[in-house]
Amino acid sequence: VQLVESGGGLVQAGGSLRLSCVASGSIFSISNMGWYRQAPGKQRELVAIMISGGSTNYADSVKGRFTISGDSAKNTVYLQMSLLKPEDTAIYYCNAQVEATSRAKYTTWGQGTQVTVSS
């Protein structure tokens, strides 16, 4: 199973970006999909997560500015980011808890997409 992110880039403070993450491969089911980020010199942190059933959780720092959504039929999760701040600059990673068709369960990560917010 692979996760491929897209949609990162350079944006001015106050702007918006939309990240996408598509899961592909021998997928039986996906229980959780979410977004993490890692800024230089900092630990990777949770940004937003969508739990099977549709509930969502957000980091306090992005509440009211970011929205996570998904399309289960397409094994895709999105992160709409608005009112971006320079401190949102980081590599954003997609994460999923997957059950493969072999019934093996594991957590997988995407390769990351860079988001840079200029002041």
C-alpha atoms as a PDB file:
ATOM      1  CA  VAL A   1       0.000   0.000   0.000  1.00  0.00           C
ATOM      2  CA  GLN A   2       1.316   3.447  -0.926  1.00  0.00           C
ATOM      3  CA  LEU A   3       0.279   6.949   0.057  1.00  0.00           C
ATOM      4  CA  VAL A   4       0.981   9.757  -2.386  1.00  0.00           C
ATOM      5  CA  GLU A   5       0.561  13.376  -1.319  1.00  0.00           C
ATOM      6  CA  SER A   6       0.171  16.394  -3.549  1.00  0.00           C
ATOM      7  CA  GLY A   7      -0.760  20.054  -3.302  1.00  0.00           C
ATOM      8  CA  GLY A   8       2.086  21.548  -1.313  1.00  0.00           C
ATOM      9  CA  GLY A   9       3.853  24.711  -2.353  1.00  0.00           C
ATOM     10  CA  LEU A  10       4.744  28.273  -1.511  1.00  0.00           C
ATOM     11  CA  VAL A  11       2.033  30.666  -0.381  1.00  0.00           C
ATOM     12  CA  GLN A  12       1.882  34.036   1.313  1.00  0.00           C
ATOM     13  CA  ALA A  13       0.610  34.403   4.842  1.00  0.00           C
ATOM     14  CA  GLY A  14      -3.169  34.509   4.868  1.00  0.00           C
ATOM     15  CA  GLY A  15      -3.396  32.334   1.787  1.00  0.00           C
ATOM     16  CA  SER A  16      -4.783  28.861   1.246  1.00  0.00           C
ATOM     17  CA  LEU A  17      -3.605  25.484   0.023  1.00  0.00           C
ATOM     18  CA  ARG A  18      -5.295  22.138  -0.402  1.00  0.00           C
ATOM     19  CA  LEU A  19      -3.367  18.938   0.158  1.00  0.00           C
ATOM     20  CA  SER A  20      -4.475  15.584  -1.208  1.00  0.00           C
ATOM     21  CA  CYS A  21      -3.408  12.067  -0.277  1.00  0.00           C
ATOM     22  CA  VAL A  22      -4.354   8.984  -2.248  1.00  0.00           C
ATOM     23  CA  ALA A  23      -3.869   5.460  -0.954  1.00  0.00           C
ATOM     24  CA  SER A  24      -3.318   2.724  -3.491  1.00  0.00           C
ATOM     25  CA  GLY A  25      -2.457  -0.952  -3.501  1.00  0.00           C
ATOM     26  CA  SER A  26      -4.004  -4.063  -2.017  1.00  0.00           C
ATOM     27  CA  ILE A  27      -6.325  -2.312   0.396  1.00  0.00           C
ATOM     28  CA  PHE A  28      -9.075  -4.108   2.260  1.00  0.00           C
ATOM     29  CA  SER A  29      -9.972  -1.188   4.498  1.00  0.00           C
ATOM     30  CA  ILE A  30      -8.603   2.024   5.969  1.00  0.00           C
ATOM     31  CA  SER A  31      -9.591   2.889   9.521  1.00  0.00           C
ATOM     32  CA  ASN A  32      -7.913   6.254  10.019  1.00  0.00           C
ATOM     33  CA  MET A  33      -6.322   8.745   7.650  1.00  0.00           C
ATOM     34  CA  GLY A  34      -4.705  11.938   8.724  1.00  0.00           C
ATOM     35  CA  TRP A  35      -2.052  14.568   8.313  1.00  0.00           C
ATOM     36  CA  TYR A  36       1.074  15.206  10.340  1.00  0.00           C
ATOM     37  CA  ARG A  37       3.733  17.835   9.863  1.00  0.00           C
ATOM     38  CA  GLN A  38       7.360  18.305  10.759  1.00  0.00           C
ATOM     39  CA  ALA A  39       9.082  21.656  10.817  1.00  0.00           C
ATOM     40  CA  PRO A  40      12.887  21.940  10.791  1.00  0.00           C
ATOM     41  CA  GLY A  41      14.321  21.071  14.178  1.00  0.00           C
ATOM     42  CA  LYS A  42      10.964  19.982  15.546  1.00  0.00           C
ATOM     43  CA  GLN A  43       9.226  16.695  16.149  1.00  0.00           C
ATOM     44  CA  ARG A  44       6.531  15.421  13.859  1.00  0.00           C
ATOM     45  CA  GLU A  45       3.115  16.460  15.140  1.00  0.00           C
ATOM     46  CA  LEU A  46      -0.485  15.607  14.419  1.00  0.00           C
ATOM     47  CA  VAL A  47      -2.334  18.217  12.365  1.00  0.00           C
ATOM     48  CA  ALA A  48      -5.668  16.555  11.705  1.00  0.00           C
ATOM     49  CA  ILE A  49      -7.090  13.067  11.574  1.00  0.00           C
ATOM     50  CA  MET A  50     -10.240  11.509  10.205  1.00  0.00           C
ATOM     51  CA  ILE A  51     -11.401   8.400  12.014  1.00  0.00           C
ATOM     52  CA  SER A  52     -13.559   5.773  10.342  1.00  0.00           C
ATOM     53  CA  GLY A  53     -17.134   6.797  10.927  1.00  0.00           C
ATOM     54  CA  GLY A  54     -16.300  10.368  10.047  1.00  0.00           C
ATOM     55  CA  SER A  55     -15.198  11.953  13.305  1.00  0.00           C
ATOM     56  CA  THR A  56     -12.258  14.331  13.153  1.00  0.00           C
ATOM     57  CA  ASN A  57      -9.632  15.713  15.489  1.00  0.00           C
ATOM     58  CA  TYR A  58      -7.419  18.745  15.009  1.00  0.00           C
ATOM     59  CA  ALA A  59      -4.375  20.205  16.643  1.00  0.00           C
ATOM     60  CA  ASP A  60      -5.308  23.299  18.623  1.00  0.00           C
ATOM     61  CA  SER A  61      -2.982  25.380  16.464  1.00  0.00           C
ATOM     62  CA  VAL A  62      -5.015  24.714  13.298  1.00  0.00           C
ATOM     63  CA  LYS A  63      -8.581  24.599  14.613  1.00  0.00           C
ATOM     64  CA  GLY A  64     -10.803  26.974  12.693  1.00  0.00           C
ATOM     65  CA  ARG A  65      -8.266  27.285   9.850  1.00  0.00           C
ATOM     66  CA  PHE A  66      -7.776  23.741   8.533  1.00  0.00           C
ATOM     67  CA  THR A  67     -10.411  21.240   7.471  1.00  0.00           C
ATOM     68  CA  ILE A  68      -9.852  17.546   6.870  1.00  0.00           C
ATOM     69  CA  SER A  69     -12.189  15.633   4.599  1.00  0.00           C
ATOM     70  CA  GLY A  70     -12.177  12.367   2.747  1.00  0.00           C
ATOM     71  CA  ASP A  71     -13.586  10.282  -0.045  1.00  0.00           C
ATOM     72  CA  SER A  72     -13.652   6.683   1.111  1.00  0.00           C
ATOM     73  CA  ALA A  73     -14.575   5.393  -2.339  1.00  0.00           C
ATOM     74  CA  LYS A  74     -11.337   6.893  -3.668  1.00  0.00           C
ATOM     75  CA  ASN A  75      -9.217   6.123  -0.574  1.00  0.00           C
ATOM     76  CA  THR A  76      -8.390   9.813  -0.511  1.00  0.00           C
ATOM     77  CA  VAL A  77      -8.045  12.369   2.254  1.00  0.00           C
ATOM     78  CA  TYR A  78      -7.774  16.126   1.831  1.00  0.00           C
ATOM     79  CA  LEU A  79      -6.528  18.932   4.016  1.00  0.00           C
ATOM     80  CA  GLN A  80      -7.904  22.360   3.202  1.00  0.00           C
ATOM     81  CA  MET A  81      -5.627  24.935   4.802  1.00  0.00           C
ATOM     82  CA  SER A  82      -6.744  28.548   5.090  1.00  0.00           C
ATOM     83  CA  LEU A  83      -5.412  31.643   6.828  1.00  0.00           C
ATOM     84  CA  LEU A  84      -1.960  30.138   6.630  1.00  0.00           C
ATOM     85  CA  LYS A  85       0.745  31.448   8.922  1.00  0.00           C
ATOM     86  CA  PRO A  86       4.536  31.287   8.599  1.00  0.00           C
ATOM     87  CA  GLU A  87       4.564  28.863  11.530  1.00  0.00           C
ATOM     88  CA  ASP A  88       2.581  26.406   9.390  1.00  0.00           C
ATOM     89  CA  THR A  89       5.704  25.947   7.276  1.00  0.00           C
ATOM     90  CA  ALA A  90       6.660  22.278   7.407  1.00  0.00           C
ATOM     91  CA  ILE A  91       6.731  19.040   5.516  1.00  0.00           C
ATOM     92  CA  TYR A  92       3.243  17.584   5.653  1.00  0.00           C
ATOM     93  CA  TYR A  93       2.906  13.809   5.775  1.00  0.00           C
ATOM     94  CA  CYS A  94      -0.143  11.697   5.121  1.00  0.00           C
ATOM     95  CA  ASN A  95      -0.714   8.773   7.467  1.00  0.00           C
ATOM     96  CA  ALA A  96      -3.114   5.854   7.270  1.00  0.00           C
ATOM     97  CA  GLN A  97      -3.948   2.777   9.306  1.00  0.00           C
ATOM     98  CA  VAL A  98      -4.524   0.128   6.707  1.00  0.00           C
ATOM     99  CA  GLU A  99      -5.797  -3.408   6.570  1.00  0.00           C
ATOM    100  CA  ALA A 100      -4.473  -5.027   3.417  1.00  0.00           C
ATOM    101  CA  THR A 101      -6.263  -7.692   1.435  1.00  0.00           C
ATOM    102  CA  SER A 102      -3.912 -10.148   3.135  1.00  0.00           C
ATOM    103  CA  ARG A 103      -5.563  -8.932   6.374  1.00  0.00           C
ATOM    104  CA  ALA A 104      -2.228  -7.620   7.605  1.00  0.00           C
ATOM    105  CA  LYS A 105      -2.705  -4.364   9.514  1.00  0.00           C
ATOM    106  CA  TYR A 106      -0.149  -1.610   9.629  1.00  0.00           C
ATOM    107  CA  THR A 107       0.444   2.101   9.635  1.00  0.00           C
ATOM    108  CA  THR A 108       1.857   3.665   6.506  1.00  0.00           C
ATOM    109  CA  TRP A 109       3.218   7.101   5.626  1.00  0.00           C
ATOM    110  CA  GLY A 110       3.477   9.163   2.487  1.00  0.00           C
ATOM    111  CA  GLN A 111       6.699  10.713   1.278  1.00  0.00           C
ATOM    112  CA  GLY A 112       5.705  14.189   2.423  1.00  0.00           C
ATOM    113  CA  THR A 113       4.916  17.448   0.672  1.00  0.00           C
ATOM    114  CA  GLN A 114       6.529  20.770   1.493  1.00  0.00           C
ATOM    115  CA  VAL A 115       4.358  23.683   2.559  1.00  0.00           C
ATOM    116  CA  THR A 116       6.097  27.042   2.858  1.00  0.00           C
ATOM    117  CA  VAL A 117       4.288  30.148   4.090  1.00  0.00           C
ATOM    118  CA  SER A 118       6.052  33.444   3.553  1.00  0.00           C
ATOM    119  CA  SER A 119       5.437  36.447   5.764  1.00  0.00           C
END
